N, C-alpha and C. Protein backbone atom coordinates (compact mmCIF):
# COMPACT_ATOMS: atom_id res chain seq x y z
N MET A 1 127.52 -119.09 1.29
CA MET A 1 128.70 -119.91 1.13
C MET A 1 128.55 -120.74 -0.13
N HIS A 2 129.60 -120.88 -0.84
CA HIS A 2 129.58 -121.57 -2.13
C HIS A 2 130.10 -123.00 -1.93
N THR A 3 129.37 -124.02 -2.43
CA THR A 3 129.82 -125.41 -2.31
C THR A 3 130.48 -125.85 -3.60
N VAL A 4 131.46 -126.73 -3.47
CA VAL A 4 132.20 -127.23 -4.62
C VAL A 4 131.61 -128.59 -5.02
N PRO A 5 131.33 -128.81 -6.30
CA PRO A 5 130.77 -130.10 -6.73
C PRO A 5 131.73 -131.25 -6.38
N CYS A 6 131.14 -132.40 -6.13
CA CYS A 6 131.90 -133.60 -5.72
C CYS A 6 132.91 -134.01 -6.78
N ARG A 7 132.52 -133.95 -8.05
CA ARG A 7 133.44 -134.33 -9.13
C ARG A 7 134.67 -133.43 -9.17
N PHE A 8 134.46 -132.17 -8.92
CA PHE A 8 135.57 -131.23 -8.94
C PHE A 8 136.57 -131.54 -7.82
N MET A 9 136.06 -131.91 -6.66
CA MET A 9 136.93 -132.27 -5.54
C MET A 9 137.72 -133.55 -5.86
N TRP A 10 137.08 -134.48 -6.52
CA TRP A 10 137.77 -135.72 -6.90
C TRP A 10 138.91 -135.41 -7.85
N VAL A 11 138.68 -134.50 -8.82
CA VAL A 11 139.72 -134.11 -9.77
C VAL A 11 140.88 -133.44 -9.04
N ILE A 12 140.58 -132.58 -8.07
CA ILE A 12 141.63 -131.90 -7.31
C ILE A 12 142.47 -132.91 -6.53
N ARG A 13 141.81 -133.86 -5.88
CA ARG A 13 142.53 -134.90 -5.13
C ARG A 13 143.41 -135.73 -6.06
N PHE A 14 142.87 -136.09 -7.20
CA PHE A 14 143.63 -136.89 -8.16
C PHE A 14 144.85 -136.13 -8.65
N MET A 15 144.68 -134.85 -8.98
CA MET A 15 145.81 -134.04 -9.45
C MET A 15 146.86 -133.88 -8.36
N GLY A 16 146.42 -133.75 -7.11
CA GLY A 16 147.36 -133.66 -5.99
C GLY A 16 148.16 -134.94 -5.84
N LEU A 17 147.50 -136.08 -5.94
CA LEU A 17 148.18 -137.36 -5.85
C LEU A 17 149.15 -137.54 -7.01
N LEU A 18 148.72 -137.16 -8.20
CA LEU A 18 149.57 -137.28 -9.38
C LEU A 18 150.80 -136.40 -9.25
N SER A 19 150.63 -135.19 -8.75
CA SER A 19 151.78 -134.30 -8.59
C SER A 19 152.73 -134.84 -7.53
N LEU A 20 152.20 -135.47 -6.49
CA LEU A 20 153.05 -136.09 -5.47
C LEU A 20 153.89 -137.20 -6.09
N LEU A 21 153.27 -138.04 -6.90
CA LEU A 21 153.99 -139.13 -7.53
C LEU A 21 155.03 -138.62 -8.52
N VAL A 22 154.73 -137.58 -9.24
CA VAL A 22 155.66 -137.03 -10.22
C VAL A 22 156.77 -136.24 -9.52
N TYR A 23 156.42 -135.46 -8.52
CA TYR A 23 157.38 -134.58 -7.86
C TYR A 23 158.35 -135.36 -6.97
N ALA A 24 157.86 -136.36 -6.23
CA ALA A 24 158.70 -137.06 -5.25
C ALA A 24 159.90 -137.75 -5.91
N PRO A 25 159.75 -138.53 -6.99
CA PRO A 25 160.92 -139.14 -7.59
C PRO A 25 161.88 -138.11 -8.17
N ALA A 26 161.37 -136.96 -8.58
CA ALA A 26 162.25 -135.94 -9.15
C ALA A 26 163.17 -135.36 -8.07
N GLN A 27 162.74 -135.37 -6.81
CA GLN A 27 163.55 -134.87 -5.72
C GLN A 27 164.56 -135.90 -5.22
N GLY A 28 164.54 -137.11 -5.74
CA GLY A 28 165.50 -138.14 -5.35
C GLY A 28 164.99 -139.06 -4.27
N SER A 29 163.80 -138.80 -3.71
CA SER A 29 163.27 -139.71 -2.70
C SER A 29 162.33 -140.70 -3.36
N GLU A 30 162.08 -141.78 -2.65
CA GLU A 30 161.20 -142.82 -3.19
C GLU A 30 159.84 -142.73 -2.54
N VAL A 31 158.83 -143.19 -3.23
CA VAL A 31 157.48 -143.25 -2.70
C VAL A 31 157.09 -144.72 -2.63
N PHE A 32 156.60 -145.15 -1.46
CA PHE A 32 156.21 -146.54 -1.24
C PHE A 32 154.71 -146.61 -1.06
N GLN A 33 154.09 -147.61 -1.67
CA GLN A 33 152.65 -147.83 -1.53
C GLN A 33 152.48 -148.94 -0.50
N CYS A 34 151.96 -148.59 0.66
CA CYS A 34 151.86 -149.54 1.78
C CYS A 34 150.40 -149.75 2.16
N PRO A 35 150.06 -150.94 2.65
CA PRO A 35 148.68 -151.18 3.12
C PRO A 35 148.42 -150.35 4.38
N ASP A 36 147.19 -149.83 4.49
CA ASP A 36 146.87 -148.99 5.64
C ASP A 36 146.25 -149.77 6.79
N GLY A 37 146.04 -151.08 6.64
CA GLY A 37 145.46 -151.90 7.70
C GLY A 37 143.95 -151.94 7.66
N ARG A 38 143.33 -151.16 6.78
CA ARG A 38 141.87 -151.14 6.67
C ARG A 38 141.41 -151.56 5.28
N GLY A 39 142.31 -152.17 4.52
CA GLY A 39 141.97 -152.61 3.17
C GLY A 39 142.34 -151.61 2.09
N GLY A 40 142.93 -150.48 2.46
CA GLY A 40 143.32 -149.46 1.50
C GLY A 40 144.84 -149.36 1.41
N TRP A 41 145.30 -148.30 0.74
CA TRP A 41 146.73 -148.10 0.55
C TRP A 41 147.12 -146.70 0.97
N VAL A 42 148.35 -146.56 1.45
CA VAL A 42 148.90 -145.27 1.87
C VAL A 42 150.21 -145.08 1.15
N LEU A 43 150.44 -143.85 0.65
CA LEU A 43 151.72 -143.52 0.03
C LEU A 43 152.64 -142.93 1.11
N ARG A 44 153.87 -143.49 1.23
CA ARG A 44 154.81 -143.05 2.26
C ARG A 44 156.18 -142.83 1.64
N ASP A 45 157.00 -142.06 2.35
CA ASP A 45 158.36 -141.83 1.89
C ASP A 45 159.36 -142.75 2.57
N VAL A 46 158.87 -143.66 3.42
CA VAL A 46 159.73 -144.67 4.06
C VAL A 46 159.20 -146.04 3.67
N PRO A 47 160.05 -147.07 3.63
CA PRO A 47 159.58 -148.41 3.26
C PRO A 47 158.48 -148.91 4.18
N CYS A 48 157.66 -149.80 3.68
CA CYS A 48 156.53 -150.34 4.44
C CYS A 48 156.99 -151.11 5.67
N SER A 49 158.19 -151.69 5.64
CA SER A 49 158.68 -152.48 6.77
C SER A 49 159.07 -151.60 7.96
N ILE A 50 159.27 -150.31 7.73
CA ILE A 50 159.63 -149.38 8.80
C ILE A 50 158.37 -148.64 9.23
N THR A 51 158.17 -148.51 10.56
CA THR A 51 157.01 -147.79 11.07
C THR A 51 157.24 -146.31 10.87
N ALA A 52 156.28 -145.66 10.21
CA ALA A 52 156.39 -144.22 9.96
C ALA A 52 156.11 -143.47 11.25
N PRO A 53 156.70 -142.28 11.43
CA PRO A 53 156.45 -141.49 12.63
C PRO A 53 154.96 -141.18 12.76
N GLY A 54 154.43 -141.35 13.98
CA GLY A 54 153.02 -141.05 14.23
C GLY A 54 152.08 -142.20 13.90
N GLN A 55 152.60 -143.37 13.49
CA GLN A 55 151.76 -144.52 13.20
C GLN A 55 152.05 -145.62 14.21
N PRO A 56 151.01 -146.37 14.64
CA PRO A 56 151.25 -147.47 15.58
C PRO A 56 152.01 -148.58 14.91
N GLU A 57 152.75 -149.35 15.70
CA GLU A 57 153.51 -150.47 15.16
C GLU A 57 152.56 -151.55 14.69
N SER A 58 152.94 -152.24 13.65
CA SER A 58 152.11 -153.30 13.08
C SER A 58 152.09 -154.49 14.01
N THR A 59 150.90 -155.04 14.23
CA THR A 59 150.77 -156.23 15.07
C THR A 59 150.80 -157.50 14.25
N GLU A 60 150.85 -157.36 12.92
CA GLU A 60 150.88 -158.54 12.06
C GLU A 60 152.25 -159.20 12.13
N PRO A 61 152.28 -160.52 12.31
CA PRO A 61 153.58 -161.19 12.30
C PRO A 61 154.15 -161.20 10.88
N ALA A 62 155.45 -161.16 10.80
CA ALA A 62 156.10 -161.22 9.49
C ALA A 62 155.83 -162.57 8.85
N ARG A 63 155.58 -162.55 7.54
CA ARG A 63 155.34 -163.81 6.83
C ARG A 63 156.64 -164.57 6.67
N PRO A 64 156.62 -165.89 6.95
CA PRO A 64 157.86 -166.66 6.78
C PRO A 64 158.19 -166.79 5.30
N ARG A 65 159.46 -166.80 5.00
CA ARG A 65 159.92 -166.94 3.62
C ARG A 65 159.83 -168.40 3.19
N ALA A 66 159.57 -168.59 1.93
CA ALA A 66 159.53 -169.95 1.39
C ALA A 66 160.95 -170.51 1.38
N PRO A 67 161.11 -171.80 1.65
CA PRO A 67 162.46 -172.37 1.63
C PRO A 67 163.03 -172.33 0.22
N ALA A 68 164.32 -172.12 0.15
CA ALA A 68 165.00 -172.09 -1.14
C ALA A 68 164.99 -173.47 -1.78
N ALA A 69 165.10 -173.52 -3.09
CA ALA A 69 165.15 -174.79 -3.80
C ALA A 69 166.44 -175.52 -3.43
N PRO A 70 166.38 -176.84 -3.29
CA PRO A 70 167.60 -177.57 -2.94
C PRO A 70 168.63 -177.47 -4.05
N SER A 71 169.88 -177.59 -3.66
CA SER A 71 170.95 -177.53 -4.65
C SER A 71 170.88 -178.75 -5.55
N PRO A 72 171.47 -178.71 -6.73
CA PRO A 72 171.39 -179.85 -7.64
C PRO A 72 171.89 -181.15 -7.01
N ARG A 73 172.83 -181.07 -6.09
CA ARG A 73 173.34 -182.29 -5.45
C ARG A 73 172.32 -182.90 -4.51
N GLN A 74 171.43 -182.06 -3.92
CA GLN A 74 170.45 -182.55 -2.97
C GLN A 74 169.16 -183.01 -3.62
N ARG A 75 168.94 -182.69 -4.88
CA ARG A 75 167.70 -183.07 -5.55
C ARG A 75 167.65 -184.57 -5.77
N LYS A 76 166.42 -185.09 -5.71
CA LYS A 76 166.22 -186.51 -5.95
C LYS A 76 166.36 -186.79 -7.45
N PRO A 77 166.89 -187.94 -7.81
CA PRO A 77 166.95 -188.27 -9.24
C PRO A 77 165.55 -188.42 -9.81
N SER A 78 165.38 -188.07 -11.07
CA SER A 78 164.06 -188.17 -11.69
C SER A 78 163.65 -189.63 -11.84
N ALA A 79 162.34 -189.83 -11.84
CA ALA A 79 161.81 -191.20 -11.96
C ALA A 79 162.12 -191.74 -13.34
N PRO A 80 162.27 -193.07 -13.46
CA PRO A 80 162.52 -193.64 -14.78
C PRO A 80 161.34 -193.38 -15.70
N PRO A 81 161.55 -193.27 -17.00
CA PRO A 81 160.45 -192.98 -17.92
C PRO A 81 159.43 -194.10 -17.94
N ASP A 82 158.18 -193.72 -18.24
CA ASP A 82 157.09 -194.68 -18.31
C ASP A 82 157.32 -195.59 -19.52
N THR A 83 157.51 -196.87 -19.29
CA THR A 83 157.83 -197.78 -20.39
C THR A 83 156.62 -198.06 -21.27
N THR A 84 155.40 -197.84 -20.76
CA THR A 84 154.21 -198.07 -21.59
C THR A 84 154.23 -197.12 -22.78
N GLN A 85 154.57 -195.86 -22.56
CA GLN A 85 154.61 -194.89 -23.66
C GLN A 85 155.75 -195.22 -24.63
N LEU A 86 156.90 -195.66 -24.07
CA LEU A 86 158.03 -195.96 -24.95
C LEU A 86 157.75 -197.18 -25.82
N GLN A 87 157.05 -198.16 -25.26
CA GLN A 87 156.78 -199.37 -26.02
C GLN A 87 155.64 -199.19 -27.01
N GLY A 88 154.93 -198.04 -26.93
CA GLY A 88 153.79 -197.82 -27.81
C GLY A 88 154.13 -197.97 -29.28
N ASN A 89 155.24 -197.40 -29.72
CA ASN A 89 155.62 -197.52 -31.12
C ASN A 89 156.02 -198.94 -31.47
N GLU A 90 156.64 -199.67 -30.55
CA GLU A 90 157.02 -201.05 -30.82
C GLU A 90 155.79 -201.95 -30.83
N CYS A 91 154.78 -201.60 -30.05
CA CYS A 91 153.58 -202.42 -29.95
C CYS A 91 152.61 -202.17 -31.10
N LEU A 92 152.53 -200.94 -31.56
CA LEU A 92 151.54 -200.57 -32.57
C LEU A 92 152.12 -200.64 -33.97
N LYS A 93 151.31 -201.15 -34.88
CA LYS A 93 151.69 -201.21 -36.28
C LYS A 93 150.48 -200.86 -37.12
N VAL A 94 150.71 -200.15 -38.24
CA VAL A 94 149.64 -199.83 -39.18
C VAL A 94 149.50 -201.03 -40.10
N GLN A 95 148.33 -201.66 -40.12
CA GLN A 95 148.09 -202.86 -40.92
C GLN A 95 147.60 -202.53 -42.33
N GLY A 96 146.80 -201.52 -42.46
CA GLY A 96 146.27 -201.20 -43.79
C GLY A 96 145.79 -199.77 -43.85
N VAL A 97 145.96 -199.13 -45.00
CA VAL A 97 145.53 -197.75 -45.19
C VAL A 97 144.72 -197.70 -46.47
N LYS A 98 143.55 -197.07 -46.41
CA LYS A 98 142.69 -196.91 -47.57
C LYS A 98 142.28 -195.45 -47.66
N ALA A 99 142.01 -195.00 -48.88
CA ALA A 99 141.51 -193.63 -49.08
C ALA A 99 140.59 -193.62 -50.28
N GLN A 100 139.60 -192.73 -50.23
CA GLN A 100 138.63 -192.63 -51.31
C GLN A 100 138.13 -191.19 -51.38
N VAL A 101 138.05 -190.66 -52.61
CA VAL A 101 137.53 -189.31 -52.79
C VAL A 101 136.02 -189.37 -52.61
N GLN A 102 135.50 -188.54 -51.70
CA GLN A 102 134.08 -188.53 -51.40
C GLN A 102 133.34 -187.57 -52.33
N ARG A 103 133.32 -186.36 -51.97
CA ARG A 103 132.63 -185.33 -52.72
C ARG A 103 133.42 -184.05 -52.55
N GLY A 104 132.92 -183.02 -53.08
CA GLY A 104 133.61 -181.75 -52.92
C GLY A 104 132.91 -180.67 -53.71
N ASP A 105 133.59 -179.59 -53.86
CA ASP A 105 133.07 -178.49 -54.66
C ASP A 105 134.13 -178.12 -55.70
N GLN A 106 134.01 -176.97 -56.31
CA GLN A 106 134.96 -176.57 -57.35
C GLN A 106 136.35 -176.31 -56.80
N LEU A 107 136.44 -175.95 -55.53
CA LEU A 107 137.74 -175.59 -54.95
C LEU A 107 138.46 -176.77 -54.30
N ALA A 108 137.71 -177.68 -53.68
CA ALA A 108 138.36 -178.76 -52.93
C ALA A 108 137.55 -180.04 -52.99
N ALA A 109 138.23 -181.14 -52.71
CA ALA A 109 137.59 -182.45 -52.64
C ALA A 109 137.80 -183.00 -51.23
N GLU A 110 136.89 -183.86 -50.80
CA GLU A 110 137.04 -184.50 -49.49
C GLU A 110 137.59 -185.90 -49.71
N LEU A 111 138.68 -186.18 -49.02
CA LEU A 111 139.34 -187.48 -49.11
C LEU A 111 139.09 -188.22 -47.81
N ALA A 112 138.23 -189.25 -47.87
CA ALA A 112 137.96 -190.06 -46.68
C ALA A 112 139.05 -191.12 -46.58
N TRP A 113 139.65 -191.26 -45.42
CA TRP A 113 140.74 -192.23 -45.25
C TRP A 113 140.48 -193.07 -44.00
N GLU A 114 141.06 -194.24 -43.98
CA GLU A 114 141.01 -195.08 -42.80
C GLU A 114 142.29 -195.88 -42.71
N ALA A 115 142.67 -196.18 -41.49
CA ALA A 115 143.88 -196.97 -41.23
C ALA A 115 143.57 -197.92 -40.09
N VAL A 116 144.02 -199.15 -40.20
CA VAL A 116 143.85 -200.15 -39.14
C VAL A 116 145.16 -200.19 -38.35
N VAL A 117 145.06 -199.92 -37.05
CA VAL A 117 146.22 -199.93 -36.17
C VAL A 117 146.08 -201.11 -35.22
N LYS A 118 147.10 -201.97 -35.19
CA LYS A 118 147.05 -203.19 -34.39
C LYS A 118 148.07 -203.11 -33.26
N ASN A 119 147.64 -203.53 -32.05
CA ASN A 119 148.50 -203.57 -30.87
C ASN A 119 148.88 -205.02 -30.61
N HIS A 120 150.18 -205.34 -30.66
CA HIS A 120 150.67 -206.69 -30.45
C HIS A 120 151.04 -206.96 -28.99
N CYS A 121 151.04 -205.95 -28.14
CA CYS A 121 151.52 -206.09 -26.77
C CYS A 121 150.37 -206.39 -25.80
N ALA A 122 150.77 -206.75 -24.57
CA ALA A 122 149.81 -207.12 -23.53
C ALA A 122 149.28 -205.93 -22.74
N GLN A 123 149.67 -204.71 -23.10
CA GLN A 123 149.16 -203.52 -22.42
C GLN A 123 148.66 -202.53 -23.47
N PRO A 124 147.75 -201.63 -23.08
CA PRO A 124 147.28 -200.62 -24.03
C PRO A 124 148.44 -199.72 -24.46
N ALA A 125 148.35 -199.19 -25.65
CA ALA A 125 149.41 -198.32 -26.17
C ALA A 125 148.77 -197.16 -26.92
N SER A 126 149.50 -196.03 -26.93
CA SER A 126 149.00 -194.84 -27.62
C SER A 126 150.11 -194.27 -28.50
N ALA A 127 149.67 -193.57 -29.53
CA ALA A 127 150.62 -192.95 -30.46
C ALA A 127 149.88 -191.89 -31.26
N LEU A 128 150.62 -191.17 -32.07
CA LEU A 128 150.04 -190.17 -32.96
C LEU A 128 150.06 -190.76 -34.36
N LEU A 129 148.89 -190.89 -34.97
CA LEU A 129 148.77 -191.43 -36.32
C LEU A 129 148.64 -190.26 -37.29
N THR A 130 149.52 -190.21 -38.29
CA THR A 130 149.51 -189.13 -39.28
C THR A 130 149.24 -189.71 -40.66
N PHE A 131 148.15 -189.26 -41.28
CA PHE A 131 147.80 -189.65 -42.64
C PHE A 131 148.36 -188.56 -43.56
N THR A 132 149.11 -188.97 -44.58
CA THR A 132 149.78 -188.02 -45.48
C THR A 132 149.50 -188.37 -46.93
N ILE A 133 149.27 -187.34 -47.75
CA ILE A 133 149.19 -187.56 -49.20
C ILE A 133 150.45 -186.96 -49.83
N TYR A 134 150.99 -187.68 -50.80
CA TYR A 134 152.25 -187.29 -51.44
C TYR A 134 152.03 -187.01 -52.92
N GLY A 135 152.84 -186.10 -53.44
CA GLY A 135 152.89 -185.82 -54.86
C GLY A 135 154.11 -186.48 -55.46
N GLY A 136 154.53 -186.01 -56.62
CA GLY A 136 155.74 -186.54 -57.25
C GLY A 136 156.97 -186.29 -56.39
N LYS A 137 157.94 -187.19 -56.48
CA LYS A 137 159.19 -187.12 -55.73
C LYS A 137 158.96 -187.09 -54.21
N ASN A 138 157.89 -187.78 -53.75
CA ASN A 138 157.53 -187.88 -52.32
C ASN A 138 157.35 -186.52 -51.65
N LEU A 139 156.90 -185.53 -52.39
CA LEU A 139 156.62 -184.21 -51.83
C LEU A 139 155.31 -184.29 -51.05
N THR A 140 155.32 -183.87 -49.78
CA THR A 140 154.13 -183.90 -48.94
C THR A 140 153.17 -182.81 -49.39
N LEU A 141 151.96 -183.21 -49.75
CA LEU A 141 150.95 -182.26 -50.18
C LEU A 141 150.03 -181.83 -49.05
N ASP A 142 149.64 -182.77 -48.18
CA ASP A 142 148.75 -182.45 -47.06
C ASP A 142 148.82 -183.56 -46.03
N THR A 143 148.55 -183.22 -44.75
CA THR A 143 148.57 -184.22 -43.68
C THR A 143 147.44 -183.95 -42.70
N GLU A 144 147.11 -185.00 -41.96
CA GLU A 144 146.15 -184.90 -40.87
C GLU A 144 146.61 -185.87 -39.79
N SER A 145 146.62 -185.41 -38.52
CA SER A 145 147.09 -186.24 -37.41
C SER A 145 145.99 -186.42 -36.39
N THR A 146 146.02 -187.57 -35.72
CA THR A 146 145.06 -187.86 -34.67
C THR A 146 145.70 -188.79 -33.64
N LYS A 147 145.30 -188.64 -32.38
CA LYS A 147 145.81 -189.48 -31.31
C LYS A 147 145.08 -190.83 -31.35
N VAL A 148 145.85 -191.91 -31.18
CA VAL A 148 145.29 -193.26 -31.24
C VAL A 148 145.61 -193.98 -29.93
N ILE A 149 144.61 -194.59 -29.32
CA ILE A 149 144.81 -195.45 -28.15
C ILE A 149 144.20 -196.79 -28.49
N VAL A 150 145.03 -197.84 -28.44
CA VAL A 150 144.58 -199.17 -28.82
C VAL A 150 144.71 -200.08 -27.61
N ALA A 151 143.64 -200.82 -27.31
CA ALA A 151 143.64 -201.74 -26.19
C ALA A 151 144.64 -202.87 -26.43
N ALA A 152 144.97 -203.60 -25.36
CA ALA A 152 145.94 -204.69 -25.44
C ALA A 152 145.47 -205.77 -26.41
N ARG A 153 146.40 -206.23 -27.24
CA ARG A 153 146.16 -207.32 -28.20
C ARG A 153 144.86 -207.15 -28.99
N SER A 154 144.70 -205.97 -29.58
CA SER A 154 143.51 -205.72 -30.39
C SER A 154 143.86 -204.77 -31.53
N ALA A 155 142.86 -204.50 -32.36
CA ALA A 155 143.05 -203.60 -33.50
C ALA A 155 142.00 -202.50 -33.43
N GLU A 156 142.36 -201.34 -33.92
CA GLU A 156 141.47 -200.18 -33.94
C GLU A 156 141.47 -199.60 -35.35
N THR A 157 140.29 -199.34 -35.89
CA THR A 157 140.19 -198.70 -37.20
C THR A 157 139.99 -197.21 -36.97
N VAL A 158 140.87 -196.41 -37.55
CA VAL A 158 140.84 -194.96 -37.40
C VAL A 158 140.37 -194.35 -38.71
N HIS A 159 139.38 -193.46 -38.62
CA HIS A 159 138.82 -192.81 -39.80
C HIS A 159 139.12 -191.32 -39.77
N GLY A 160 139.23 -190.74 -40.94
CA GLY A 160 139.43 -189.30 -41.04
C GLY A 160 138.90 -188.77 -42.36
N LEU A 161 138.71 -187.46 -42.41
CA LEU A 161 138.22 -186.81 -43.60
C LEU A 161 139.10 -185.58 -43.82
N LEU A 162 139.79 -185.57 -44.94
CA LEU A 162 140.75 -184.50 -45.24
C LEU A 162 140.22 -183.70 -46.43
N ARG A 163 140.06 -182.40 -46.24
CA ARG A 163 139.61 -181.53 -47.34
C ARG A 163 140.85 -181.04 -48.06
N VAL A 164 140.97 -181.43 -49.34
CA VAL A 164 142.18 -181.17 -50.11
C VAL A 164 141.83 -180.27 -51.31
N PRO A 165 142.57 -179.20 -51.52
CA PRO A 165 142.34 -178.36 -52.70
C PRO A 165 142.47 -179.17 -54.00
N ARG A 166 141.64 -178.84 -54.98
CA ARG A 166 141.64 -179.59 -56.26
C ARG A 166 143.02 -179.62 -56.91
N GLU A 167 143.77 -178.55 -56.81
CA GLU A 167 145.11 -178.49 -57.40
C GLU A 167 146.02 -179.56 -56.79
N LYS A 168 145.93 -179.73 -55.47
CA LYS A 168 146.74 -180.76 -54.81
C LYS A 168 146.27 -182.16 -55.20
N MET A 169 144.95 -182.31 -55.36
CA MET A 169 144.42 -183.63 -55.76
C MET A 169 144.95 -184.03 -57.13
N ARG A 170 145.14 -183.09 -58.04
CA ARG A 170 145.67 -183.41 -59.36
C ARG A 170 147.11 -183.91 -59.29
N HIS A 171 147.86 -183.43 -58.29
CA HIS A 171 149.26 -183.82 -58.15
C HIS A 171 149.47 -185.01 -57.22
N MET A 172 148.38 -185.53 -56.61
CA MET A 172 148.51 -186.64 -55.66
C MET A 172 148.96 -187.91 -56.37
N ARG A 173 150.01 -188.55 -55.85
CA ARG A 173 150.52 -189.80 -56.42
C ARG A 173 150.27 -190.99 -55.51
N LYS A 174 150.35 -190.78 -54.17
CA LYS A 174 150.14 -191.87 -53.23
C LYS A 174 149.74 -191.31 -51.88
N TYR A 175 149.37 -192.19 -50.94
CA TYR A 175 149.04 -191.81 -49.57
C TYR A 175 149.57 -192.88 -48.64
N ASP A 176 149.74 -192.50 -47.36
CA ASP A 176 150.28 -193.45 -46.38
C ASP A 176 149.93 -192.93 -44.97
N ALA A 177 150.00 -193.82 -43.98
CA ALA A 177 149.79 -193.45 -42.59
C ALA A 177 150.95 -193.98 -41.76
N LYS A 178 151.46 -193.16 -40.84
CA LYS A 178 152.59 -193.55 -40.00
C LYS A 178 152.30 -193.21 -38.56
N LEU A 179 152.95 -193.93 -37.64
CA LEU A 179 152.80 -193.70 -36.22
C LEU A 179 154.03 -192.99 -35.66
N ALA A 180 153.79 -192.15 -34.66
CA ALA A 180 154.89 -191.47 -33.96
C ALA A 180 154.54 -191.43 -32.47
N ALA A 181 155.57 -191.37 -31.64
CA ALA A 181 155.36 -191.32 -30.19
C ALA A 181 154.68 -190.02 -29.80
N LEU A 182 153.87 -190.07 -28.77
CA LEU A 182 153.21 -188.85 -28.26
C LEU A 182 154.14 -188.08 -27.38
């Protein structure tokens, strides 16, 4: 008696399954992939919710559906915005901005910058601090941004290092730092 190698049998089973999947939709019927109750899957020509002939009825209870989202009229109004974040720009002010060319190579120079941010309010405040270098006609040449959190009634010195191409450094006319809401 001649035995068939295991790999060959696997290929035959795979081709049979593939032909079932290709042939069944061509005939107009649908194929459903249903759990077999043992952790595997079974291909059937009837939906999984219907018990196929010759199979025991499922003892699993049907899963309850998630409740639908409430209509717009039933939804709760949104909470008022956090006033600490809104007051951040009113509380924070840039007191001074300095910049100095550090070192560099033939392609670019490093521009070390610092800005003092002062909080005038009685609560901590945060904002986005953007350091910008400008060329002629206030053309923005380069920027760097960082998040700033300043404690109540205090000042914070923010430092940064911006690598700027030499060509942009030749056109630099001024620099400045500004705050924006997060």
